[in-house]
Amino acid sequence: MDSNFDALVDALAEEARVLGPESRIMTERALAERLGNSRATVRENLGSLEVLGMVRRTQGAGTYVTKPDASFVRLLFDLMSKFGHVDHASVERAREMMEISVVQEAADRADHHDVAALRGHIDDMVRATAAGDAQAGHEADYAFHKRLFTIADNPVIELFVDGISLALQDVLAKKRARALSVEAAALPEGSDEPRRTDTIHTPIVDAIEAHDRSAAAAAMVEHFSLWRRITESSDMTDEH
């Protein structure tokens, strides 16, 4: 990295350790004088840090050190996809691999409040599907998987998978809608039977509640396998 950028990072990191998270840092003028740089150089480097989610600048209020969120990871994968470095299938597979590991940690750590919350998300999926509310169903599905990362309590993995999920949100929403459509077509007209796309999450929660790491991993693998079987069979049908 550029030496001016490195010097700015070191200065801000030192200040953040003293003042704590979400602290207001010194002004651009003060930083420029301390580092021996021009204000333009400091401003440019602060802009880079802002893109990375490390600082937040507000007109008239100053610059604050912040904790990066998943939006940066989403931006990274969006750009990598547009430049042809990765494709959605690779990103989606990476997400699946991490979730299989995470669900095992969740099985170790989950308490009855976590289990209740997960079952609540499944109920929300089922209700949304029955009501034909695709957006609410997608949000409940996303909330279920996000809760798993919260339970596992690994901020590094949570950040990356949350970012990956955001990068894939349109793809995942379309796949979910396609899976539900395929299931609905296979059922008698007017059937109110819950869809496997939703209820496949239940064995995952059962295994987590039993604190069974192996069963939790197997249930997650089956969840993704079912997802692929339904959506890929739909793709083949569409091609014909």
Protein backbone atom coordinates (compact mmCIF):
# COMPACT_ATOMS: atom_id res chain seq x y z
CA MET A 1 0.00 0.00 0.00
CA ASP A 2 0.97 3.66 -0.33
CA SER A 3 3.17 4.88 2.55
CA ASN A 4 0.92 7.92 3.11
CA PHE A 5 -2.09 5.64 3.37
CA ASP A 6 -0.26 3.32 5.78
CA ALA A 7 0.75 6.26 7.96
CA LEU A 8 -2.85 7.50 8.09
CA VAL A 9 -4.13 4.03 9.04
CA ASP A 10 -1.56 3.76 11.83
CA ALA A 11 -2.48 7.18 13.19
CA LEU A 12 -6.22 6.46 13.14
CA ALA A 13 -5.78 2.99 14.62
CA GLU A 14 -3.77 4.44 17.50
CA GLU A 15 -6.40 7.10 18.12
CA ALA A 16 -9.25 4.57 17.92
CA ARG A 17 -7.60 2.33 20.50
CA VAL A 18 -7.44 5.24 22.92
CA LEU A 19 -10.87 6.75 22.23
CA GLY A 20 -12.80 3.54 21.53
CA PRO A 21 -15.15 2.46 18.70
CA GLU A 22 -17.32 5.01 16.91
CA SER A 23 -14.99 7.75 18.11
CA ARG A 24 -14.58 11.08 16.36
CA ILE A 25 -11.08 11.50 14.99
CA MET A 26 -8.97 14.59 14.50
CA THR A 27 -9.71 16.95 11.63
CA GLU A 28 -8.22 16.68 8.16
CA ARG A 29 -6.07 19.73 8.93
CA ALA A 30 -4.73 18.17 12.14
CA LEU A 31 -4.04 14.87 10.38
CA ALA A 32 -2.25 16.63 7.53
CA GLU A 33 -0.02 18.52 9.96
CA ARG A 34 0.73 15.41 12.01
CA LEU A 35 1.57 13.27 8.97
CA GLY A 36 3.29 15.97 6.94
CA ASN A 37 0.88 15.47 4.04
CA SER A 38 -1.36 17.82 2.13
CA ARG A 39 -5.02 17.99 3.11
CA ALA A 40 -5.88 16.72 -0.37
CA THR A 41 -3.83 13.55 0.24
CA VAL A 42 -5.44 13.03 3.64
CA ARG A 43 -8.90 13.62 2.19
CA GLU A 44 -8.28 11.11 -0.62
CA ASN A 45 -7.04 8.43 1.78
CA LEU A 46 -9.95 9.03 4.16
CA GLY A 47 -12.21 8.51 1.16
CA SER A 48 -10.59 5.12 0.53
CA LEU A 49 -11.14 4.15 4.16
CA GLU A 50 -14.75 5.27 3.91
CA VAL A 51 -15.31 2.97 0.92
CA LEU A 52 -13.86 0.12 3.01
CA GLY A 53 -16.28 0.97 5.81
CA MET A 54 -13.55 1.89 8.30
CA VAL A 55 -14.56 5.53 8.74
CA ARG A 56 -17.74 7.56 8.36
CA ARG A 57 -17.60 11.19 7.25
CA THR A 58 -20.52 13.54 7.86
CA GLN A 59 -20.60 17.09 6.54
CA GLY A 60 -20.34 19.49 9.44
CA ALA A 61 -19.99 16.73 12.05
CA GLY A 62 -16.53 15.35 11.33
CA THR A 63 -15.04 11.92 10.69
CA TYR A 64 -15.70 8.88 12.89
CA VAL A 65 -14.01 5.49 13.14
CA THR A 66 -16.59 2.78 12.39
CA LYS A 67 -16.86 -0.98 12.21
CA PRO A 68 -17.17 -2.20 8.61
CA ASP A 69 -20.36 -4.03 7.67
CA ALA A 70 -21.22 -6.54 5.00
CA SER A 71 -21.78 -3.89 2.32
CA PHE A 72 -18.05 -3.79 1.58
CA VAL A 73 -17.92 -7.56 1.06
CA ARG A 74 -20.95 -7.28 -1.19
CA LEU A 75 -19.21 -4.55 -3.20
CA LEU A 76 -16.08 -6.72 -3.49
CA PHE A 77 -17.97 -9.73 -4.86
CA ASP A 78 -20.14 -7.56 -7.12
CA LEU A 79 -17.02 -6.05 -8.67
CA MET A 80 -15.24 -9.40 -8.96
CA SER A 81 -18.30 -10.81 -10.70
CA LYS A 82 -18.58 -7.90 -13.13
CA PHE A 83 -14.88 -8.16 -14.00
CA GLY A 84 -15.23 -11.89 -14.60
CA HIS A 85 -13.05 -13.06 -11.71
CA VAL A 86 -15.82 -15.13 -10.07
CA ASP A 87 -19.31 -16.25 -11.03
CA HIS A 88 -22.46 -16.51 -8.95
CA ALA A 89 -22.23 -20.31 -8.83
CA SER A 90 -18.79 -20.14 -7.20
CA VAL A 91 -19.90 -17.53 -4.68
CA GLU A 92 -23.05 -19.49 -3.85
CA ARG A 93 -21.04 -22.70 -3.34
CA ALA A 94 -18.62 -20.86 -1.03
CA ARG A 95 -21.59 -19.67 1.03
CA GLU A 96 -22.92 -23.23 1.30
CA MET A 97 -19.55 -24.58 2.42
CA MET A 98 -19.29 -21.97 5.17
CA GLU A 99 -22.86 -22.53 6.32
CA ILE A 100 -22.25 -26.26 6.73
CA SER A 101 -19.41 -25.43 9.12
CA VAL A 102 -21.33 -22.67 10.87
CA VAL A 103 -24.37 -24.83 11.60
CA GLN A 104 -22.13 -27.21 13.53
CA GLU A 105 -20.95 -24.34 15.72
CA ALA A 106 -24.55 -23.28 16.16
CA ALA A 107 -25.37 -26.79 17.38
CA ASP A 108 -22.74 -26.38 20.08
CA ARG A 109 -23.75 -22.89 21.16
CA ALA A 110 -27.52 -22.53 20.69
CA ASP A 111 -29.80 -22.05 23.68
CA HIS A 112 -33.59 -22.35 23.85
CA HIS A 113 -34.03 -18.69 22.85
CA ASP A 114 -32.03 -19.30 19.66
CA VAL A 115 -34.02 -22.43 18.85
CA ALA A 116 -37.29 -20.55 19.36
CA ALA A 117 -36.11 -17.75 17.10
CA LEU A 118 -35.13 -20.19 14.35
CA ARG A 119 -38.48 -21.97 14.54
CA GLY A 120 -40.17 -18.58 14.41
CA HIS A 121 -38.39 -17.79 11.15
CA ILE A 122 -39.59 -21.09 9.68
CA ASP A 123 -43.15 -20.27 10.73
CA ASP A 124 -42.75 -16.88 9.04
CA MET A 125 -41.61 -18.58 5.82
CA VAL A 126 -44.57 -20.96 5.84
CA ARG A 127 -47.06 -18.14 6.50
CA ALA A 128 -45.55 -15.93 3.82
CA THR A 129 -45.64 -18.73 1.25
CA ALA A 130 -49.27 -19.52 2.11
CA ALA A 131 -50.12 -15.83 1.68
CA GLY A 132 -48.23 -15.59 -1.60
CA ASP A 133 -45.91 -12.95 -0.15
CA ALA A 134 -42.61 -13.74 -1.88
CA GLN A 135 -40.72 -10.82 -0.34
CA ALA A 136 -41.69 -11.70 3.23
CA GLY A 137 -40.77 -15.33 2.61
CA HIS A 138 -37.37 -14.36 1.26
CA GLU A 139 -36.74 -12.07 4.23
CA ALA A 140 -37.68 -14.82 6.69
CA ASP A 141 -35.38 -17.26 4.88
CA TYR A 142 -32.54 -14.74 5.03
CA ALA A 143 -33.23 -14.06 8.73
CA PHE A 144 -33.07 -17.80 9.48
CA HIS A 145 -29.62 -18.21 7.95
CA LYS A 146 -28.34 -14.95 9.42
CA ARG A 147 -29.42 -16.15 12.87
CA LEU A 148 -27.20 -19.21 12.47
CA PHE A 149 -24.15 -16.97 12.09
CA THR A 150 -25.19 -14.90 15.07
CA ILE A 151 -25.42 -18.06 17.16
CA ALA A 152 -22.04 -19.32 15.92
CA ASP A 153 -20.59 -15.99 17.06
CA ASN A 154 -17.71 -15.68 14.62
CA PRO A 155 -17.65 -12.07 13.37
CA VAL A 156 -15.23 -12.83 10.52
CA ILE A 157 -17.37 -15.56 8.97
CA GLU A 158 -20.56 -13.62 9.69
CA LEU A 159 -19.20 -10.57 7.86
CA PHE A 160 -18.16 -12.52 4.78
CA VAL A 161 -21.24 -14.72 4.50
CA ASP A 162 -23.56 -11.78 5.11
CA GLY A 163 -21.77 -9.92 2.34
CA ILE A 164 -21.96 -12.92 0.04
CA SER A 165 -25.68 -13.30 0.78
CA LEU A 166 -26.23 -9.63 -0.04
CA ALA A 167 -24.31 -10.05 -3.29
CA LEU A 168 -26.49 -13.06 -4.13
CA GLN A 169 -29.79 -11.70 -2.82
CA ASP A 170 -31.41 -11.26 -6.23
CA VAL A 171 -30.21 -14.69 -7.39
CA LEU A 172 -31.39 -16.37 -4.18
CA ALA A 173 -34.76 -14.62 -4.25
CA LYS A 174 -35.36 -15.78 -7.84
CA LYS A 175 -34.30 -19.33 -7.00
CA ARG A 176 -36.57 -19.43 -3.99
CA ALA A 177 -39.49 -18.21 -6.10
CA ARG A 178 -38.67 -20.82 -8.75
CA ALA A 179 -38.48 -23.62 -6.18
CA LEU A 180 -41.84 -22.67 -4.70
CA SER A 181 -43.36 -22.49 -8.16
CA VAL A 182 -42.10 -25.99 -9.02
CA GLU A 183 -43.48 -27.36 -5.75
CA ALA A 184 -46.84 -25.66 -6.23
CA ALA A 185 -47.17 -27.14 -9.73
CA ALA A 186 -46.66 -30.64 -8.32
CA LEU A 187 -49.42 -30.28 -5.71
CA PRO A 188 -53.19 -30.47 -6.22
CA GLU A 189 -54.72 -27.12 -7.06
CA GLY A 190 -55.58 -25.16 -3.91
CA SER A 191 -53.42 -27.34 -1.65
CA ASP A 192 -52.35 -25.58 1.55
CA GLU A 193 -49.63 -28.13 2.31
CA PRO A 194 -46.44 -26.42 3.52
CA ARG A 195 -43.69 -26.39 0.93
CA ARG A 196 -40.51 -28.41 1.37
CA THR A 197 -38.55 -25.28 0.45
CA ASP A 198 -39.68 -23.93 3.84
CA THR A 199 -40.00 -27.06 5.98
CA ILE A 200 -36.56 -28.41 4.98
CA HIS A 201 -35.23 -25.97 7.57
CA THR A 202 -36.95 -27.85 10.41
CA PRO A 203 -34.48 -30.80 10.61
CA ILE A 204 -31.67 -28.24 10.89
CA VAL A 205 -33.30 -26.73 13.98
CA ASP A 206 -34.08 -30.16 15.42
CA ALA A 207 -30.40 -31.09 15.20
CA ILE A 208 -29.32 -27.77 16.69
CA GLU A 209 -31.75 -28.21 19.57
CA ALA A 210 -30.27 -31.69 20.20
CA HIS A 211 -26.74 -30.19 20.04
CA ASP A 212 -25.90 -32.78 17.40
CA ARG A 213 -23.16 -31.35 15.18
CA SER A 214 -23.17 -34.21 12.66
CA ALA A 215 -26.94 -34.20 12.25
CA ALA A 216 -26.94 -30.41 11.86
CA ALA A 217 -24.33 -30.59 9.10
CA ALA A 218 -26.21 -33.42 7.36
CA ALA A 219 -29.48 -31.48 7.55
CA MET A 220 -27.84 -28.41 6.04
CA VAL A 221 -26.34 -30.51 3.23
CA GLU A 222 -29.79 -31.95 2.52
CA HIS A 223 -31.25 -28.44 2.54
CA PHE A 224 -28.83 -27.27 -0.15
CA SER A 225 -29.16 -30.55 -2.09
CA LEU A 226 -32.95 -30.19 -2.21
CA TRP A 227 -32.54 -26.55 -3.27
CA ARG A 228 -30.31 -27.60 -6.17
CA ARG A 229 -32.50 -30.54 -7.21
CA ILE A 230 -35.60 -28.38 -7.46
CA THR A 231 -34.03 -25.33 -9.11
CA GLU A 232 -31.83 -27.29 -11.51
CA SER A 233 -34.72 -29.49 -12.62
CA SER A 234 -36.66 -26.27 -13.24
CA ASP A 235 -33.79 -24.89 -15.32
CA MET A 236 -33.76 -28.06 -17.47
CA THR A 237 -37.53 -27.84 -17.95
CA ASP A 238 -37.23 -24.20 -18.98
CA GLU A 239 -34.56 -25.08 -21.58
CA HIS A 240 -36.92 -27.56 -23.19
